[in-house]
Amino acid sequence: MEYFLAFGIAASIAYLLTPPTIYLALRFGLVTDSKFRKHPAHTHIGLVPRAGGLPLFLGFIITSLMFVTLNKLYVGIVIASTLTIIIGLLDDYYDISPY
């Protein structure tokens, strides 16, 4: 039962943080514009905000702090997740090429 509660809290946090993330993405230019970025896999029209992993990350971290006891494994997961989200945000901002 505790797992369902943790999942519900994490999903709620991510849901509530999505609109502010969209606002910040638009404010700081973390958007994809289909007019300037032509790619056959992009089916969106207009501006699409990036940084969508941030609400999921924050929901995971906040819920984990509530339900998980701190140990070396958990700290390693948090550090790896934090580095991943930082690299993802930098990629969204600078549009780093994978090649």
PDB file of N, CA and C in Angstrom:
ATOM      1  N   MET A   1       0.822  -1.195   0.000  1.00  0.00           N
ATOM      2  CA  MET A   1       0.000   0.000   0.000  1.00  0.00           C
ATOM      3  C   MET A   1       0.869   1.263   0.000  1.00  0.00           C
ATOM      4  N   GLU A   2       2.014   1.172   0.676  1.00  0.00           N
ATOM      5  CA  GLU A   2       2.910   2.319   0.750  1.00  0.00           C
ATOM      6  C   GLU A   2       3.447   2.693  -0.631  1.00  0.00           C
ATOM      7  N   TYR A   3       3.625   1.689  -1.501  1.00  0.00           N
ATOM      8  CA  TYR A   3       4.120   1.956  -2.851  1.00  0.00           C
ATOM      9  C   TYR A   3       3.106   2.767  -3.662  1.00  0.00           C
ATOM     10  N   PHE A   4       1.825   2.451  -3.512  1.00  0.00           N
ATOM     11  CA  PHE A   4       0.789   3.201  -4.219  1.00  0.00           C
ATOM     12  C   PHE A   4       0.732   4.647  -3.735  1.00  0.00           C
ATOM     13  N   LEU A   5       0.897   4.840  -2.432  1.00  0.00           N
ATOM     14  CA  LEU A   5       0.913   6.189  -1.872  1.00  0.00           C
ATOM     15  C   LEU A   5       2.109   6.974  -2.406  1.00  0.00           C
ATOM     16  N   ALA A   6       3.279   6.352  -2.416  1.00  0.00           N
ATOM     17  CA  ALA A   6       4.482   7.021  -2.922  1.00  0.00           C
ATOM     18  C   ALA A   6       4.324   7.359  -4.401  1.00  0.00           C
ATOM     19  N   PHE A   7       3.786   6.427  -5.175  1.00  0.00           N
ATOM     20  CA  PHE A   7       3.567   6.693  -6.597  1.00  0.00           C
ATOM     21  C   PHE A   7       2.579   7.831  -6.796  1.00  0.00           C
ATOM     22  N   GLY A   8       1.507   7.829  -6.026  1.00  0.00           N
ATOM     23  CA  GLY A   8       0.506   8.888  -6.134  1.00  0.00           C
ATOM     24  C   GLY A   8       1.076  10.255  -5.792  1.00  0.00           C
ATOM     25  N   ILE A   9       1.902  10.305  -4.755  1.00  0.00           N
ATOM     26  CA  ILE A   9       2.523  11.577  -4.375  1.00  0.00           C
ATOM     27  C   ILE A   9       3.492  12.040  -5.456  1.00  0.00           C
ATOM     28  N   ALA A  10       4.315  11.128  -5.962  1.00  0.00           N
ATOM     29  CA  ALA A  10       5.275  11.492  -7.016  1.00  0.00           C
ATOM     30  C   ALA A  10       4.553  11.968  -8.274  1.00  0.00           C
ATOM     31  N   ALA A  11       3.495  11.276  -8.656  1.00  0.00           N
ATOM     32  CA  ALA A  11       2.737  11.676  -9.844  1.00  0.00           C
ATOM     33  C   ALA A  11       2.066  13.030  -9.630  1.00  0.00           C
ATOM     34  N   SER A  12       1.548  13.264  -8.434  1.00  0.00           N
ATOM     35  CA  SER A  12       0.905  14.548  -8.132  1.00  0.00           C
ATOM     36  C   SER A  12       1.908  15.691  -8.164  1.00  0.00           C
ATOM     37  N   ILE A  13       3.081  15.465  -7.591  1.00  0.00           N
ATOM     38  CA  ILE A  13       4.122  16.503  -7.605  1.00  0.00           C
ATOM     39  C   ILE A  13       4.527  16.814  -9.041  1.00  0.00           C
ATOM     40  N   ALA A  14       4.745  15.780  -9.839  1.00  0.00           N
ATOM     41  CA  ALA A  14       5.130  15.994 -11.240  1.00  0.00           C
ATOM     42  C   ALA A  14       4.024  16.731 -11.995  1.00  0.00           C
ATOM     43  N   TYR A  15       2.779  16.363 -11.737  1.00  0.00           N
ATOM     44  CA  TYR A  15       1.641  17.013 -12.395  1.00  0.00           C
ATOM     45  C   TYR A  15       1.557  18.487 -12.015  1.00  0.00           C
ATOM     46  N   LEU A  16       1.738  18.782 -10.734  1.00  0.00           N
ATOM     47  CA  LEU A  16       1.648  20.170 -10.265  1.00  0.00           C
ATOM     48  C   LEU A  16       2.831  21.023 -10.718  1.00  0.00           C
ATOM     49  N   LEU A  17       3.989  20.406 -10.911  1.00  0.00           N
ATOM     50  CA  LEU A  17       5.172  21.163 -11.328  1.00  0.00           C
ATOM     51  C   LEU A  17       5.293  21.325 -12.844  1.00  0.00           C
ATOM     52  N   THR A  18       4.450  20.651 -13.603  1.00  0.00           N
ATOM     53  CA  THR A  18       4.534  20.755 -15.058  1.00  0.00           C
ATOM     54  C   THR A  18       4.188  22.153 -15.580  1.00  0.00           C
ATOM     55  N   PRO A  19       3.089  22.786 -15.154  1.00  0.00           N
ATOM     56  CA  PRO A  19       2.817  24.148 -15.656  1.00  0.00           C
ATOM     57  C   PRO A  19       3.915  25.165 -15.330  1.00  0.00           C
ATOM     58  N   PRO A  20       4.472  25.194 -14.094  1.00  0.00           N
ATOM     59  CA  PRO A  20       5.580  26.130 -13.868  1.00  0.00           C
ATOM     60  C   PRO A  20       6.810  25.810 -14.720  1.00  0.00           C
ATOM     61  N   THR A  21       7.043  24.537 -14.994  1.00  0.00           N
ATOM     62  CA  THR A  21       8.173  24.159 -15.841  1.00  0.00           C
ATOM     63  C   THR A  21       7.961  24.648 -17.271  1.00  0.00           C
ATOM     64  N   ILE A  22       6.743  24.537 -17.767  1.00  0.00           N
ATOM     65  CA  ILE A  22       6.441  25.043 -19.108  1.00  0.00           C
ATOM     66  C   ILE A  22       6.650  26.554 -19.154  1.00  0.00           C
ATOM     67  N   TYR A  23       6.181  27.254 -18.124  1.00  0.00           N
ATOM     68  CA  TYR A  23       6.367  28.711 -18.060  1.00  0.00           C
ATOM     69  C   TYR A  23       7.850  29.074 -18.072  1.00  0.00           C
ATOM     70  N   LEU A  24       8.641  28.388 -17.239  1.00  0.00           N
ATOM     71  CA  LEU A  24      10.080  28.678 -17.185  1.00  0.00           C
ATOM     72  C   LEU A  24      10.774  28.318 -18.496  1.00  0.00           C
ATOM     73  N   ALA A  25      10.349  27.234 -19.124  1.00  0.00           N
ATOM     74  CA  ALA A  25      10.944  26.846 -20.406  1.00  0.00           C
ATOM     75  C   ALA A  25      10.679  27.912 -21.464  1.00  0.00           C
ATOM     76  N   LEU A  26       9.471  28.440 -21.487  1.00  0.00           N
ATOM     77  CA  LEU A  26       9.156  29.498 -22.444  1.00  0.00           C
ATOM     78  C   LEU A  26       9.914  30.777 -22.116  1.00  0.00           C
ATOM     79  N   ARG A  27      10.049  31.076 -20.841  1.00  0.00           N
ATOM     80  CA  ARG A  27      10.730  32.309 -20.422  1.00  0.00           C
ATOM     81  C   ARG A  27      12.224  32.278 -20.742  1.00  0.00           C
ATOM     82  N   PHE A  28      12.855  31.118 -20.558  1.00  0.00           N
ATOM     83  CA  PHE A  28      14.299  31.016 -20.763  1.00  0.00           C
ATOM     84  C   PHE A  28      14.677  30.460 -22.135  1.00  0.00           C
ATOM     85  N   GLY A  29      13.722  30.323 -23.012  1.00  0.00           N
ATOM     86  CA  GLY A  29      14.024  29.900 -24.375  1.00  0.00           C
ATOM     87  C   GLY A  29      14.301  28.420 -24.535  1.00  0.00           C
ATOM     88  N   LEU A  30      13.821  27.603 -23.630  1.00  0.00           N
ATOM     89  CA  LEU A  30      13.994  26.153 -23.749  1.00  0.00           C
ATOM     90  C   LEU A  30      12.825  25.579 -24.550  1.00  0.00           C
ATOM     91  N   VAL A  31      12.763  25.953 -25.817  1.00  0.00           N
ATOM     92  CA  VAL A  31      11.661  25.526 -26.668  1.00  0.00           C
ATOM     93  C   VAL A  31      12.209  25.019 -27.997  1.00  0.00           C
ATOM     94  N   THR A  32      11.421  24.202 -28.652  1.00  0.00           N
ATOM     95  CA  THR A  32      11.720  23.755 -30.003  1.00  0.00           C
ATOM     96  C   THR A  32      10.718  24.424 -30.929  1.00  0.00           C
ATOM     97  N   ASP A  33      11.212  25.093 -31.938  1.00  0.00           N
ATOM     98  CA  ASP A  33      10.359  25.764 -32.913  1.00  0.00           C
ATOM     99  C   ASP A  33      10.412  24.982 -34.217  1.00  0.00           C
ATOM    100  N   SER A  34       9.263  24.483 -34.644  1.00  0.00           N
ATOM    101  CA  SER A  34       9.223  23.649 -35.848  1.00  0.00           C
ATOM    102  C   SER A  34       9.559  24.438 -37.113  1.00  0.00           C
ATOM    103  N   LYS A  35       9.494  25.768 -37.059  1.00  0.00           N
ATOM    104  CA  LYS A  35       9.846  26.574 -38.230  1.00  0.00           C
ATOM    105  C   LYS A  35      11.350  26.544 -38.501  1.00  0.00           C
ATOM    106  N   PHE A  36      12.141  26.459 -37.437  1.00  0.00           N
ATOM    107  CA  PHE A  36      13.591  26.517 -37.576  1.00  0.00           C
ATOM    108  C   PHE A  36      14.258  25.156 -37.494  1.00  0.00           C
ATOM    109  N   ARG A  37      13.577  24.188 -36.957  1.00  0.00           N
ATOM    110  CA  ARG A  37      14.169  22.866 -36.786  1.00  0.00           C
ATOM    111  C   ARG A  37      13.391  21.867 -37.634  1.00  0.00           C
ATOM    112  N   LYS A  38      13.818  21.704 -38.848  1.00  0.00           N
ATOM    113  CA  LYS A  38      13.138  20.792 -39.770  1.00  0.00           C
ATOM    114  C   LYS A  38      13.688  19.383 -39.593  1.00  0.00           C
ATOM    115  N   HIS A  39      12.816  18.489 -39.237  1.00  0.00           N
ATOM    116  CA  HIS A  39      13.196  17.089 -39.077  1.00  0.00           C
ATOM    117  C   HIS A  39      11.949  16.253 -39.332  1.00  0.00           C
ATOM    118  N   PRO A  40      12.052  15.172 -40.087  1.00  0.00           N
ATOM    119  CA  PRO A  40      10.853  14.390 -40.405  1.00  0.00           C
ATOM    120  C   PRO A  40      10.206  13.729 -39.192  1.00  0.00           C
ATOM    121  N   ALA A  41      10.954  13.534 -38.118  1.00  0.00           N
ATOM    122  CA  ALA A  41      10.382  12.886 -36.935  1.00  0.00           C
ATOM    123  C   ALA A  41       9.601  13.864 -36.062  1.00  0.00           C
ATOM    124  N   HIS A  42       9.751  15.165 -36.299  1.00  0.00           N
ATOM    125  CA  HIS A  42       9.039  16.158 -35.499  1.00  0.00           C
ATOM    126  C   HIS A  42       7.667  16.413 -36.114  1.00  0.00           C
ATOM    127  N   THR A  43       6.636  16.073 -35.387  1.00  0.00           N
ATOM    128  CA  THR A  43       5.274  16.243 -35.884  1.00  0.00           C
ATOM    129  C   THR A  43       4.555  17.405 -35.219  1.00  0.00           C
ATOM    130  N   HIS A  44       5.214  18.098 -34.302  1.00  0.00           N
ATOM    131  CA  HIS A  44       4.565  19.197 -33.592  1.00  0.00           C
ATOM    132  C   HIS A  44       4.508  20.449 -34.465  1.00  0.00           C
ATOM    133  N   ILE A  45       3.595  21.325 -34.100  1.00  0.00           N
ATOM    134  CA  ILE A  45       3.437  22.596 -34.797  1.00  0.00           C
ATOM    135  C   ILE A  45       3.595  23.705 -33.766  1.00  0.00           C
ATOM    136  N   GLY A  46       4.418  24.694 -34.075  1.00  0.00           N
ATOM    137  CA  GLY A  46       4.613  25.818 -33.166  1.00  0.00           C
ATOM    138  C   GLY A  46       5.710  25.537 -32.154  1.00  0.00           C
ATOM    139  N   LEU A  47       5.653  26.283 -31.049  1.00  0.00           N
ATOM    140  CA  LEU A  47       6.657  26.146 -29.997  1.00  0.00           C
ATOM    141  C   LEU A  47       6.317  24.982 -29.070  1.00  0.00           C
ATOM    142  N   VAL A  48       7.308  24.168 -28.792  1.00  0.00           N
ATOM    143  CA  VAL A  48       7.143  23.055 -27.855  1.00  0.00           C
ATOM    144  C   VAL A  48       8.181  23.220 -26.753  1.00  0.00           C
ATOM    145  N   PRO A  49       7.738  23.374 -25.495  1.00  0.00           N
ATOM    146  CA  PRO A  49       8.706  23.550 -24.410  1.00  0.00           C
ATOM    147  C   PRO A  49       9.497  22.280 -24.153  1.00  0.00           C
ATOM    148  N   ARG A  50      10.751  22.470 -23.773  1.00  0.00           N
ATOM    149  CA  ARG A  50      11.622  21.353 -23.415  1.00  0.00           C
ATOM    150  C   ARG A  50      11.712  21.268 -21.897  1.00  0.00           C
ATOM    151  N   ALA A  51      12.648  20.516 -21.389  1.00  0.00           N
ATOM    152  CA  ALA A  51      12.896  20.357 -19.946  1.00  0.00           C
ATOM    153  C   ALA A  51      11.768  19.597 -19.264  1.00  0.00           C
ATOM    154  N   GLY A  52      11.128  18.687 -19.974  1.00  0.00           N
ATOM    155  CA  GLY A  52      10.027  17.924 -19.403  1.00  0.00           C
ATOM    156  C   GLY A  52      10.443  16.922 -18.348  1.00  0.00           C
ATOM    157  N   GLY A  53      11.731  16.595 -18.289  1.00  0.00           N
ATOM    158  CA  GLY A  53      12.193  15.657 -17.274  1.00  0.00           C
ATOM    159  C   GLY A  53      12.308  16.271 -15.897  1.00  0.00           C
ATOM    160  N   LEU A  54      12.335  17.593 -15.827  1.00  0.00           N
ATOM    161  CA  LEU A  54      12.512  18.266 -14.542  1.00  0.00           C
ATOM    162  C   LEU A  54      11.374  17.988 -13.560  1.00  0.00           C
ATOM    163  N   PRO A  55      10.095  18.083 -13.941  1.00  0.00           N
ATOM    164  CA  PRO A  55       9.042  17.748 -12.972  1.00  0.00           C
ATOM    165  C   PRO A  55       9.089  16.290 -12.521  1.00  0.00           C
ATOM    166  N   LEU A  56       9.430  15.388 -13.433  1.00  0.00           N
ATOM    167  CA  LEU A  56       9.534  13.976 -13.056  1.00  0.00           C
ATOM    168  C   LEU A  56      10.672  13.760 -12.067  1.00  0.00           C
ATOM    169  N   PHE A  57      11.799  14.410 -12.329  1.00  0.00           N
ATOM    170  CA  PHE A  57      12.949  14.312 -11.438  1.00  0.00           C
ATOM    171  C   PHE A  57      12.604  14.847 -10.045  1.00  0.00           C
ATOM    172  N   LEU A  58      11.997  16.018  -9.988  1.00  0.00           N
ATOM    173  CA  LEU A  58      11.657  16.605  -8.690  1.00  0.00           C
ATOM    174  C   LEU A  58      10.618  15.770  -7.950  1.00  0.00           C
ATOM    175  N   GLY A  59       9.650  15.217  -8.680  1.00  0.00           N
ATOM    176  CA  GLY A  59       8.680  14.326  -8.045  1.00  0.00           C
ATOM    177  C   GLY A  59       9.349  13.095  -7.464  1.00  0.00           C
ATOM    178  N   PHE A  60      10.299  12.540  -8.202  1.00  0.00           N
ATOM    179  CA  PHE A  60      11.049  11.373  -7.724  1.00  0.00           C
ATOM    180  C   PHE A  60      11.867  11.716  -6.487  1.00  0.00           C
ATOM    181  N   ILE A  61      12.603  12.836  -6.526  1.00  0.00           N
ATOM    182  CA  ILE A  61      13.479  13.210  -5.413  1.00  0.00           C
ATOM    183  C   ILE A  61      12.672  13.531  -4.162  1.00  0.00           C
ATOM    184  N   ILE A  62      11.640  14.348  -4.302  1.00  0.00           N
ATOM    185  CA  ILE A  62      10.845  14.747  -3.132  1.00  0.00           C
ATOM    186  C   ILE A  62      10.171  13.537  -2.504  1.00  0.00           C
ATOM    187  N   THR A  63       9.584  12.679  -3.319  1.00  0.00           N
ATOM    188  CA  THR A  63       8.921  11.487  -2.785  1.00  0.00           C
ATOM    189  C   THR A  63       9.927  10.527  -2.170  1.00  0.00           C
ATOM    190  N   SER A  64      11.077  10.395  -2.782  1.00  0.00           N
ATOM    191  CA  SER A  64      12.104   9.514  -2.230  1.00  0.00           C
ATOM    192  C   SER A  64      12.573   9.995  -0.869  1.00  0.00           C
ATOM    193  N   LEU A  65      12.727  11.300  -0.721  1.00  0.00           N
ATOM    194  CA  LEU A  65      13.135  11.832   0.583  1.00  0.00           C
ATOM    195  C   LEU A  65      12.087  11.557   1.655  1.00  0.00           C
ATOM    196  N   MET A  66      10.834  11.437   1.249  1.00  0.00           N
ATOM    197  CA  MET A  66       9.765  11.163   2.209  1.00  0.00           C
ATOM    198  C   MET A  66       9.692   9.687   2.597  1.00  0.00           C
ATOM    199  N   PHE A  67      10.005   8.781   1.663  1.00  0.00           N
ATOM    200  CA  PHE A  67       9.735   7.367   1.883  1.00  0.00           C
ATOM    201  C   PHE A  67      10.968   6.475   1.994  1.00  0.00           C
ATOM    202  N   VAL A  68      12.132   6.947   1.571  1.00  0.00           N
ATOM    203  CA  VAL A  68      13.316   6.090   1.518  1.00  0.00           C
ATOM    204  C   VAL A  68      14.298   6.516   2.596  1.00  0.00           C
ATOM    205  N   THR A  69      14.855   5.536   3.291  1.00  0.00           N
ATOM    206  CA  THR A  69      15.899   5.849   4.268  1.00  0.00           C
ATOM    207  C   THR A  69      17.212   6.065   3.522  1.00  0.00           C
ATOM    208  N   LEU A  70      17.970   7.021   3.984  1.00  0.00           N
ATOM    209  CA  LEU A  70      19.228   7.354   3.318  1.00  0.00           C
ATOM    210  C   LEU A  70      20.267   6.263   3.548  1.00  0.00           C
ATOM    211  N   ASN A  71      20.867   5.800   2.469  1.00  0.00           N
ATOM    212  CA  ASN A  71      21.995   4.882   2.525  1.00  0.00           C
ATOM    213  C   ASN A  71      22.880   5.150   1.315  1.00  0.00           C
ATOM    214  N   LYS A  72      23.973   4.433   1.211  1.00  0.00           N
ATOM    215  CA  LYS A  72      24.934   4.692   0.132  1.00  0.00           C
ATOM    216  C   LYS A  72      24.316   4.469  -1.247  1.00  0.00           C
ATOM    217  N   LEU A  73      23.502   3.450  -1.383  1.00  0.00           N
ATOM    218  CA  LEU A  73      22.885   3.158  -2.671  1.00  0.00           C
ATOM    219  C   LEU A  73      21.956   4.294  -3.092  1.00  0.00           C
ATOM    220  N   TYR A  74      21.134   4.757  -2.170  1.00  0.00           N
ATOM    221  CA  TYR A  74      20.203   5.840  -2.484  1.00  0.00           C
ATOM    222  C   TYR A  74      20.954   7.119  -2.847  1.00  0.00           C
ATOM    223  N   VAL A  75      22.001   7.437  -2.111  1.00  0.00           N
ATOM    224  CA  VAL A  75      22.786   8.641  -2.405  1.00  0.00           C
ATOM    225  C   VAL A  75      23.404   8.534  -3.801  1.00  0.00           C
ATOM    226  N   GLY A  76      23.879   7.360  -4.170  1.00  0.00           N
ATOM    227  CA  GLY A  76      24.422   7.154  -5.513  1.00  0.00           C
ATOM    228  C   GLY A  76      23.373   7.354  -6.594  1.00  0.00           C
ATOM    229  N   ILE A  77      22.164   6.865  -6.345  1.00  0.00           N
ATOM    230  CA  ILE A  77      21.076   7.045  -7.307  1.00  0.00           C
ATOM    231  C   ILE A  77      20.721   8.519  -7.444  1.00  0.00           C
ATOM    232  N   VAL A  78      20.685   9.242  -6.331  1.00  0.00           N
ATOM    233  CA  VAL A  78      20.367  10.675  -6.369  1.00  0.00           C
ATOM    234  C   VAL A  78      21.449  11.447  -7.118  1.00  0.00           C
ATOM    235  N   ILE A  79      22.707  11.130  -6.862  1.00  0.00           N
ATOM    236  CA  ILE A  79      23.802  11.822  -7.556  1.00  0.00           C
ATOM    237  C   ILE A  79      23.744  11.541  -9.060  1.00  0.00           C
ATOM    238  N   ALA A  80      23.550  10.277  -9.428  1.00  0.00           N
ATOM    239  CA  ALA A  80      23.472   9.925 -10.852  1.00  0.00           C
ATOM    240  C   ALA A  80      22.264  10.584 -11.517  1.00  0.00           C
ATOM    241  N   SER A  81      21.131  10.606 -10.832  1.00  0.00           N
ATOM    242  CA  SER A  81      19.935  11.250 -11.382  1.00  0.00           C
ATOM    243  C   SER A  81      20.137  12.748 -11.546  1.00  0.00           C
ATOM    244  N   THR A  82      20.785  13.362 -10.568  1.00  0.00           N
ATOM    245  CA  THR A  82      21.039  14.802 -10.636  1.00  0.00           C
ATOM    246  C   THR A  82      21.965  15.138 -11.799  1.00  0.00           C
ATOM    247  N   LEU A  83      23.021  14.355 -11.976  1.00  0.00           N
ATOM    248  CA  LEU A  83      23.918  14.581 -13.115  1.00  0.00           C
ATOM    249  C   LEU A  83      23.186  14.392 -14.445  1.00  0.00           C
ATOM    250  N   THR A  84      22.322  13.399 -14.501  1.00  0.00           N
ATOM    251  CA  THR A  84      21.566  13.145 -15.724  1.00  0.00           C
ATOM    252  C   THR A  84      20.634  14.305 -16.051  1.00  0.00           C
ATOM    253  N   ILE A  85      19.944  14.841 -15.046  1.00  0.00           N
ATOM    254  CA  ILE A  85      19.018  15.947 -15.305  1.00  0.00           C
ATOM    255  C   ILE A  85      19.785  17.211 -15.678  1.00  0.00           C
ATOM    256  N   ILE A  86      20.953  17.425 -15.074  1.00  0.00           N
ATOM    257  CA  ILE A  86      21.765  18.598 -15.424  1.00  0.00           C
ATOM    258  C   ILE A  86      22.232  18.502 -16.877  1.00  0.00           C
ATOM    259  N   ILE A  87      22.719  17.331 -17.273  1.00  0.00           N
ATOM    260  CA  ILE A  87      23.153  17.139 -18.660  1.00  0.00           C
ATOM    261  C   ILE A  87      21.969  17.298 -19.616  1.00  0.00           C
ATOM    262  N   GLY A  88      20.818  16.779 -19.237  1.00  0.00           N
ATOM    263  CA  GLY A  88      19.626  16.924 -20.074  1.00  0.00           C
ATOM    264  C   GLY A  88      19.198  18.368 -20.235  1.00  0.00           C
ATOM    265  N   LEU A  89      19.243  19.142 -19.149  1.00  0.00           N
ATOM    266  CA  LEU A  89      18.875  20.559 -19.230  1.00  0.00           C
ATOM    267  C   LEU A  89      19.885  21.343 -20.064  1.00  0.00           C
ATOM    268  N   LEU A  90      21.167  21.019 -19.907  1.00  0.00           N
ATOM    269  CA  LEU A  90      22.183  21.674 -20.737  1.00  0.00           C
ATOM    270  C   LEU A  90      21.981  21.340 -22.214  1.00  0.00           C
ATOM    271  N   ASP A  91      21.634  20.097 -22.491  1.00  0.00           N
ATOM    272  CA  ASP A  91      21.357  19.691 -23.866  1.00  0.00           C
ATOM    273  C   ASP A  91      20.135  20.428 -24.410  1.00  0.00           C
ATOM    274  N   ASP A  92      19.106  20.587 -23.585  1.00  0.00           N
ATOM    275  CA  ASP A  92      17.919  21.321 -24.020  1.00  0.00           C
ATOM    276  C   ASP A  92      18.243  22.781 -24.303  1.00  0.00           C
ATOM    277  N   TYR A  93      19.085  23.376 -23.480  1.00  0.00           N
ATOM    278  CA  TYR A  93      19.390  24.802 -23.628  1.00  0.00           C
ATOM    279  C   TYR A  93      20.337  25.067 -24.800  1.00  0.00           C
ATOM    280  N   TYR A  94      21.402  24.277 -24.897  1.00  0.00           N
ATOM    281  CA  TYR A  94      22.408  24.514 -25.933  1.00  0.00           C
ATOM    282  C   TYR A  94      22.189  23.695 -27.198  1.00  0.00           C
ATOM    283  N   ASP A  95      21.197  22.814 -27.192  1.00  0.00           N
ATOM    284  CA  ASP A  95      20.882  21.969 -28.342  1.00  0.00           C
ATOM    285  C   ASP A  95      22.130  21.244 -28.846  1.00  0.00           C
ATOM    286  N   ILE A  96      22.760  20.500 -27.959  1.00  0.00           N
ATOM    287  CA  ILE A  96      24.000  19.791 -28.249  1.00  0.00           C
ATOM    288  C   ILE A  96      23.725  18.650 -29.227  1.00  0.00           C
ATOM    289  N   SER A  97      24.551  18.545 -30.235  1.00  0.00           N
ATOM    290  CA  SER A  97      24.406  17.484 -31.222  1.00  0.00           C
ATOM    291  C   SER A  97      24.962  16.174 -30.655  1.00  0.00           C
ATOM    292  N   PRO A  98      24.318  15.046 -30.928  1.00  0.00           N
ATOM    293  CA  PRO A  98      24.845  13.773 -30.443  1.00  0.00           C
ATOM    294  C   PRO A  98      26.046  13.282 -31.243  1.00  0.00           C
ATOM    295  N   TYR A  99      26.404  13.977 -32.308  1.00  0.00           N
ATOM    296  CA  TYR A  99      27.505  13.535 -33.164  1.00  0.00           C
ATOM    297  C   TYR A  99      28.686  14.437 -33.043  1.00  0.00           C
TER     298      TYR A  99
END
